[in-house]
């Protein structure tokens, strides 16, 4: 077989050929993994909803409502038992974390009191900001049993009712900002259901 002559046109043809082949392989891998990734995301969301508002017998995802906030859309999942609302799960977020996005699922009872929460996603410093998974369930940092719209859901350093994670005040502020957004979404959701 004759060796291909090293000209500009030949080099471009070979480069375009390799690029097209790589793009086709990447596209096929994306298509193969798209459905399993979406299924895993939905399973994680379902688990988070059942962790933050236990005891419902409906499928809150089927009754999802989207509430517009100043930073974007927040998802509200009504949890019902026997057709009666027992609470809602709010998937909220903020971009004010030390490293950007903090996304949480907050469970609220019908009065707006926090039942539980789950951190869905964050990019905070490992060992500091990542402590929010447990910090806000213990001691003076515990937000469970507090009402987003009646308690000062800010860190005590800012005059609020919640102790910040030691050495991670920015992450704590971001977490609580996402929780406050949950409270605002709760109020909007309750108001909209009363108007119907």
C-alpha atoms as a PDB file:
ATOM      1  CA  UNK A   1       0.000   0.000   0.000  1.00  0.00           C
ATOM      2  CA  UNK A   2       1.298   3.386  -0.994  1.00  0.00           C
ATOM      3  CA  UNK A   3       2.015   5.915   1.765  1.00  0.00           C
ATOM      4  CA  UNK A   4      -0.301   8.932   1.707  1.00  0.00           C
ATOM      5  CA  UNK A   5       1.475  12.075   0.601  1.00  0.00           C
ATOM      6  CA  UNK A   6       1.823  14.696   3.347  1.00  0.00           C
ATOM      7  CA  UNK A   7      -0.035  17.652   1.889  1.00  0.00           C
ATOM      8  CA  UNK A   8      -2.272  20.212   3.527  1.00  0.00           C
ATOM      9  CA  UNK A   9      -5.403  18.781   1.885  1.00  0.00           C
ATOM     10  CA  UNK A  10      -4.573  15.219   2.980  1.00  0.00           C
ATOM     11  CA  UNK A  11      -3.944  16.367   6.553  1.00  0.00           C
ATOM     12  CA  UNK A  12      -7.287  18.221   6.637  1.00  0.00           C
ATOM     13  CA  UNK A  13      -9.145  15.179   5.247  1.00  0.00           C
ATOM     14  CA  UNK A  14      -7.583  12.862   7.842  1.00  0.00           C
ATOM     15  CA  UNK A  15      -8.284  15.337  10.675  1.00  0.00           C
ATOM     16  CA  UNK A  16     -11.916  15.803   9.590  1.00  0.00           C
ATOM     17  CA  UNK A  17     -12.314  12.019   9.339  1.00  0.00           C
ATOM     18  CA  UNK A  18     -11.006  11.433  12.877  1.00  0.00           C
ATOM     19  CA  UNK A  19     -13.121  14.308  14.228  1.00  0.00           C
ATOM     20  CA  UNK A  20     -16.278  12.948  12.590  1.00  0.00           C
ATOM     21  CA  UNK A  21     -15.570   9.461  13.941  1.00  0.00           C
ATOM     22  CA  UNK A  22     -14.983  10.820  17.477  1.00  0.00           C
ATOM     23  CA  UNK A  23     -18.154  12.924  17.306  1.00  0.00           C
ATOM     24  CA  UNK A  24     -20.207   9.901  16.182  1.00  0.00           C
ATOM     25  CA  UNK A  25     -18.823   7.783  19.035  1.00  0.00           C
ATOM     26  CA  UNK A  26     -19.470  10.549  21.579  1.00  0.00           C
ATOM     27  CA  UNK A  27     -23.019  11.013  20.288  1.00  0.00           C
ATOM     28  CA  UNK A  28     -23.774   7.304  20.526  1.00  0.00           C
ATOM     29  CA  UNK A  29     -22.413   7.099  24.090  1.00  0.00           C
ATOM     30  CA  UNK A  30     -24.604  10.091  25.021  1.00  0.00           C
ATOM     31  CA  UNK A  31     -27.694   8.416  23.578  1.00  0.00           C
ATOM     32  CA  UNK A  32     -26.898   5.153  25.412  1.00  0.00           C
ATOM     33  CA  UNK A  33     -26.473   6.877  28.780  1.00  0.00           C
ATOM     34  CA  UNK A  34     -29.188   9.556  28.543  1.00  0.00           C
ATOM     35  CA  UNK A  35     -32.061   7.358  29.755  1.00  0.00           C
ATOM     36  CA  UNK A  36     -30.196   5.673  32.656  1.00  0.00           C
ATOM     37  CA  UNK A  37     -28.939   9.078  33.855  1.00  0.00           C
ATOM     38  CA  UNK A  38     -32.457  10.540  33.756  1.00  0.00           C
ATOM     39  CA  UNK A  39     -33.852   7.473  35.578  1.00  0.00           C
ATOM     40  CA  UNK A  40     -31.192   7.831  38.292  1.00  0.00           C
ATOM     41  CA  UNK A  41     -31.996  11.544  38.655  1.00  0.00           C
ATOM     42  CA  UNK A  42     -35.718  10.797  39.008  1.00  0.00           C
ATOM     43  CA  UNK A  43     -35.055   8.045  41.577  1.00  0.00           C
ATOM     44  CA  UNK A  44     -32.873  10.427  43.605  1.00  0.00           C
ATOM     45  CA  UNK A  45     -35.622  13.058  43.445  1.00  0.00           C
ATOM     46  CA  UNK A  46     -38.308  10.550  44.557  1.00  0.00           C
ATOM     47  CA  UNK A  47     -36.134   9.416  47.471  1.00  0.00           C
ATOM     48  CA  UNK A  48     -35.484  13.002  48.520  1.00  0.00           C
ATOM     49  CA  UNK A  49     -39.219  13.757  48.480  1.00  0.00           C
ATOM     50  CA  UNK A  50     -40.027  10.718  50.640  1.00  0.00           C
ATOM     51  CA  UNK A  51     -37.159  11.597  53.019  1.00  0.00           C
ATOM     52  CA  UNK A  52     -38.349  15.161  53.589  1.00  0.00           C
ATOM     53  CA  UNK A  53     -42.128  14.532  53.682  1.00  0.00           C
ATOM     54  CA  UNK A  54     -42.801  10.987  54.873  1.00  0.00           C
ATOM     55  CA  UNK A  55     -46.195   9.300  54.883  1.00  0.00           C
ATOM     56  CA  UNK A  56     -47.772  10.378  51.587  1.00  0.00           C
ATOM     57  CA  UNK A  57     -49.645   7.969  49.327  1.00  0.00           C
ATOM     58  CA  UNK A  58     -49.843   9.990  46.092  1.00  0.00           C
ATOM     59  CA  UNK A  59     -47.097  10.529  43.522  1.00  0.00           C
ATOM     60  CA  UNK A  60     -45.956  14.120  44.192  1.00  0.00           C
ATOM     61  CA  UNK A  61     -43.962  14.211  40.945  1.00  0.00           C
ATOM     62  CA  UNK A  62     -47.209  13.832  38.963  1.00  0.00           C
ATOM     63  CA  UNK A  63     -48.625  16.927  40.723  1.00  0.00           C
ATOM     64  CA  UNK A  64     -45.469  19.034  40.414  1.00  0.00           C
ATOM     65  CA  UNK A  65     -45.969  22.797  40.216  1.00  0.00           C
ATOM     66  CA  UNK A  66     -43.323  25.287  39.185  1.00  0.00           C
ATOM     67  CA  UNK A  67     -43.049  28.609  41.010  1.00  0.00           C
ATOM     68  CA  UNK A  68     -41.049  31.482  39.512  1.00  0.00           C
ATOM     69  CA  UNK A  69     -38.597  33.214  41.838  1.00  0.00           C
ATOM     70  CA  UNK A  70     -36.130  36.047  41.351  1.00  0.00           C
ATOM     71  CA  UNK A  71     -33.346  33.546  40.549  1.00  0.00           C
ATOM     72  CA  UNK A  72     -35.282  30.994  38.554  1.00  0.00           C
ATOM     73  CA  UNK A  73     -37.944  28.310  38.768  1.00  0.00           C
ATOM     74  CA  UNK A  74     -38.484  26.328  41.987  1.00  0.00           C
ATOM     75  CA  UNK A  75     -40.321  22.968  41.856  1.00  0.00           C
ATOM     76  CA  UNK A  76     -43.088  22.232  44.376  1.00  0.00           C
ATOM     77  CA  UNK A  77     -44.244  18.651  44.973  1.00  0.00           C
ATOM     78  CA  UNK A  78     -47.515  18.352  46.972  1.00  0.00           C
ATOM     79  CA  UNK A  79     -47.552  15.316  49.279  1.00  0.00           C
ATOM     80  CA  UNK A  80     -51.016  13.963  50.027  1.00  0.00           C
ATOM     81  CA  UNK A  81     -52.480  11.164  52.078  1.00  0.00           C
ATOM     82  CA  UNK A  82     -55.988  10.044  51.179  1.00  0.00           C
ATOM     83  CA  UNK A  83     -56.281  13.072  48.892  1.00  0.00           C
ATOM     84  CA  UNK A  84     -55.527  15.515  51.729  1.00  0.00           C
ATOM     85  CA  UNK A  85     -52.409  17.698  51.611  1.00  0.00           C
ATOM     86  CA  UNK A  86     -50.016  16.707  54.439  1.00  0.00           C
ATOM     87  CA  UNK A  87     -47.057  18.773  53.277  1.00  0.00           C
ATOM     88  CA  UNK A  88     -44.995  19.790  50.320  1.00  0.00           C
ATOM     89  CA  UNK A  89     -41.485  19.119  49.146  1.00  0.00           C
ATOM     90  CA  UNK A  90     -39.757  22.075  47.515  1.00  0.00           C
ATOM     91  CA  UNK A  91     -36.735  21.630  45.265  1.00  0.00           C
ATOM     92  CA  UNK A  92     -34.928  24.925  45.721  1.00  0.00           C
ATOM     93  CA  UNK A  93     -31.520  26.336  44.859  1.00  0.00           C
ATOM     94  CA  UNK A  94     -29.220  29.298  45.102  1.00  0.00           C
ATOM     95  CA  UNK A  95     -26.103  30.323  43.223  1.00  0.00           C
ATOM     96  CA  UNK A  96     -24.654  32.133  46.237  1.00  0.00           C
ATOM     97  CA  UNK A  97     -22.521  29.270  47.564  1.00  0.00           C
ATOM     98  CA  UNK A  98     -18.777  29.618  48.046  1.00  0.00           C
ATOM     99  CA  UNK A  99     -18.309  27.626  44.846  1.00  0.00           C
ATOM    100  CA  UNK A 100     -21.666  28.356  43.205  1.00  0.00           C
ATOM    101  CA  UNK A 101     -24.794  26.215  43.093  1.00  0.00           C
ATOM    102  CA  UNK A 102     -26.431  24.756  46.215  1.00  0.00           C
ATOM    103  CA  UNK A 103     -29.572  22.706  45.513  1.00  0.00           C
ATOM    104  CA  UNK A 104     -31.824  21.357  48.292  1.00  0.00           C
ATOM    105  CA  UNK A 105     -35.130  19.560  48.789  1.00  0.00           C
ATOM    106  CA  UNK A 106     -37.019  20.981  51.771  1.00  0.00           C
ATOM    107  CA  UNK A 107     -40.071  19.297  53.277  1.00  0.00           C
ATOM    108  CA  UNK A 108     -42.660  21.587  54.860  1.00  0.00           C
ATOM    109  CA  UNK A 109     -45.865  20.700  56.671  1.00  0.00           C
ATOM    110  CA  UNK A 110     -49.126  22.524  55.920  1.00  0.00           C
ATOM    111  CA  UNK A 111     -48.160  25.437  58.204  1.00  0.00           C
ATOM    112  CA  UNK A 112     -44.788  26.019  56.509  1.00  0.00           C
ATOM    113  CA  UNK A 113     -42.775  24.385  59.278  1.00  0.00           C
ATOM    114  CA  UNK A 114     -39.700  22.471  58.123  1.00  0.00           C
ATOM    115  CA  UNK A 115     -40.031  18.697  58.487  1.00  0.00           C
ATOM    116  CA  UNK A 116     -36.674  17.739  57.012  1.00  0.00           C
ATOM    117  CA  UNK A 117     -34.301  18.565  54.177  1.00  0.00           C
ATOM    118  CA  UNK A 118     -31.941  16.859  51.752  1.00  0.00           C
ATOM    119  CA  UNK A 119     -28.966  18.420  49.994  1.00  0.00           C
ATOM    120  CA  UNK A 120     -29.302  17.380  46.357  1.00  0.00           C
ATOM    121  CA  UNK A 121     -26.271  19.049  44.852  1.00  0.00           C
ATOM    122  CA  UNK A 122     -23.466  21.420  45.808  1.00  0.00           C
ATOM    123  CA  UNK A 123     -19.954  22.350  44.851  1.00  0.00           C
ATOM    124  CA  UNK A 124     -18.830  23.519  48.269  1.00  0.00           C
ATOM    125  CA  UNK A 125     -15.460  22.777  49.849  1.00  0.00           C
ATOM    126  CA  UNK A 126     -15.196  19.114  50.938  1.00  0.00           C
ATOM    127  CA  UNK A 127     -14.975  18.904  54.712  1.00  0.00           C
ATOM    128  CA  UNK A 128     -16.424  22.386  55.258  1.00  0.00           C
ATOM    129  CA  UNK A 129     -19.402  23.336  53.100  1.00  0.00           C
ATOM    130  CA  UNK A 130     -20.228  19.694  52.523  1.00  0.00           C
ATOM    131  CA  UNK A 131     -21.091  19.446  56.244  1.00  0.00           C
ATOM    132  CA  UNK A 132     -24.472  21.004  55.440  1.00  0.00           C
ATOM    133  CA  UNK A 133     -25.780  17.465  54.851  1.00  0.00           C
ATOM    134  CA  UNK A 134     -25.814  16.959  58.632  1.00  0.00           C
ATOM    135  CA  UNK A 135     -25.064  20.306  60.331  1.00  0.00           C
ATOM    136  CA  UNK A 136     -28.550  21.747  60.001  1.00  0.00           C
ATOM    137  CA  UNK A 137     -30.050  18.745  61.807  1.00  0.00           C
ATOM    138  CA  UNK A 138     -28.073  19.182  65.052  1.00  0.00           C
ATOM    139  CA  UNK A 139     -27.756  21.630  67.938  1.00  0.00           C
ATOM    140  CA  UNK A 140     -28.228  25.338  67.335  1.00  0.00           C
ATOM    141  CA  UNK A 141     -27.928  24.746  63.604  1.00  0.00           C
ATOM    142  CA  UNK A 142     -31.047  22.517  63.501  1.00  0.00           C
ATOM    143  CA  UNK A 143     -33.626  24.014  61.143  1.00  0.00           C
ATOM    144  CA  UNK A 144     -36.207  21.256  61.552  1.00  0.00           C
ATOM    145  CA  UNK A 145     -39.286  22.508  63.377  1.00  0.00           C
ATOM    146  CA  UNK A 146     -38.628  26.104  62.302  1.00  0.00           C
ATOM    147  CA  UNK A 147     -40.969  28.026  60.060  1.00  0.00           C
ATOM    148  CA  UNK A 148     -39.295  29.597  57.012  1.00  0.00           C
ATOM    149  CA  UNK A 149     -41.543  32.647  57.162  1.00  0.00           C
ATOM    150  CA  UNK A 150     -41.706  33.158  60.938  1.00  0.00           C
ATOM    151  CA  UNK A 151     -38.156  32.370  62.079  1.00  0.00           C
ATOM    152  CA  UNK A 152     -35.111  34.331  60.963  1.00  0.00           C
ATOM    153  CA  UNK A 153     -33.656  31.786  58.578  1.00  0.00           C
ATOM    154  CA  UNK A 154     -30.244  33.419  58.436  1.00  0.00           C
ATOM    155  CA  UNK A 155     -27.001  32.683  60.260  1.00  0.00           C
ATOM    156  CA  UNK A 156     -26.675  34.099  63.785  1.00  0.00           C
ATOM    157  CA  UNK A 157     -23.704  36.193  62.600  1.00  0.00           C
ATOM    158  CA  UNK A 158     -26.240  38.093  60.441  1.00  0.00           C
ATOM    159  CA  UNK A 159     -28.819  38.361  63.258  1.00  0.00           C
ATOM    160  CA  UNK A 160     -30.624  35.134  62.402  1.00  0.00           C
ATOM    161  CA  UNK A 161     -31.756  32.088  64.387  1.00  0.00           C
ATOM    162  CA  UNK A 162     -29.383  29.486  62.930  1.00  0.00           C
ATOM    163  CA  UNK A 163     -25.737  28.784  63.787  1.00  0.00           C
ATOM    164  CA  UNK A 164     -23.464  28.644  60.751  1.00  0.00           C
ATOM    165  CA  UNK A 165     -21.144  25.758  59.990  1.00  0.00           C
ATOM    166  CA  UNK A 166     -17.801  26.513  61.619  1.00  0.00           C
ATOM    167  CA  UNK A 167     -15.445  28.083  59.029  1.00  0.00           C
ATOM    168  CA  UNK A 168     -18.110  27.820  56.311  1.00  0.00           C
ATOM    169  CA  UNK A 169     -20.310  30.877  56.783  1.00  0.00           C
ATOM    170  CA  UNK A 170     -20.738  31.517  53.048  1.00  0.00           C
ATOM    171  CA  UNK A 171     -21.924  27.941  52.469  1.00  0.00           C
ATOM    172  CA  UNK A 172     -24.285  28.263  55.452  1.00  0.00           C
ATOM    173  CA  UNK A 173     -25.707  31.507  54.081  1.00  0.00           C
ATOM    174  CA  UNK A 174     -26.234  29.856  50.691  1.00  0.00           C
ATOM    175  CA  UNK A 175     -27.958  26.834  52.216  1.00  0.00           C
ATOM    176  CA  UNK A 176     -30.279  29.040  54.263  1.00  0.00           C
ATOM    177  CA  UNK A 177     -30.976  31.219  51.220  1.00  0.00           C
ATOM    178  CA  UNK A 178     -32.188  28.116  49.364  1.00  0.00           C
ATOM    179  CA  UNK A 179     -34.305  27.156  52.402  1.00  0.00           C
ATOM    180  CA  UNK A 180     -35.860  30.653  52.522  1.00  0.00           C
ATOM    181  CA  UNK A 181     -36.730  30.312  48.830  1.00  0.00           C
ATOM    182  CA  UNK A 182     -38.539  27.099  49.762  1.00  0.00           C
ATOM    183  CA  UNK A 183     -40.613  29.047  52.275  1.00  0.00           C
ATOM    184  CA  UNK A 184     -41.488  31.683  49.676  1.00  0.00           C
ATOM    185  CA  UNK A 185     -42.446  28.957  47.171  1.00  0.00           C
ATOM    186  CA  UNK A 186     -44.591  27.300  49.860  1.00  0.00           C
ATOM    187  CA  UNK A 187     -46.476  30.570  50.455  1.00  0.00           C
ATOM    188  CA  UNK A 188     -47.006  31.076  46.700  1.00  0.00           C
ATOM    189  CA  UNK A 189     -48.221  27.499  46.293  1.00  0.00           C
ATOM    190  CA  UNK A 190     -50.689  27.711  49.221  1.00  0.00           C
ATOM    191  CA  UNK A 191     -51.975  31.074  47.968  1.00  0.00           C
ATOM    192  CA  UNK A 192     -52.494  29.685  44.449  1.00  0.00           C
ATOM    193  CA  UNK A 193     -54.405  26.629  45.725  1.00  0.00           C
ATOM    194  CA  UNK A 194     -56.725  28.824  47.835  1.00  0.00           C
ATOM    195  CA  UNK A 195     -57.507  30.979  44.804  1.00  0.00           C
ATOM    196  CA  UNK A 196     -58.715  27.966  42.804  1.00  0.00           C
END
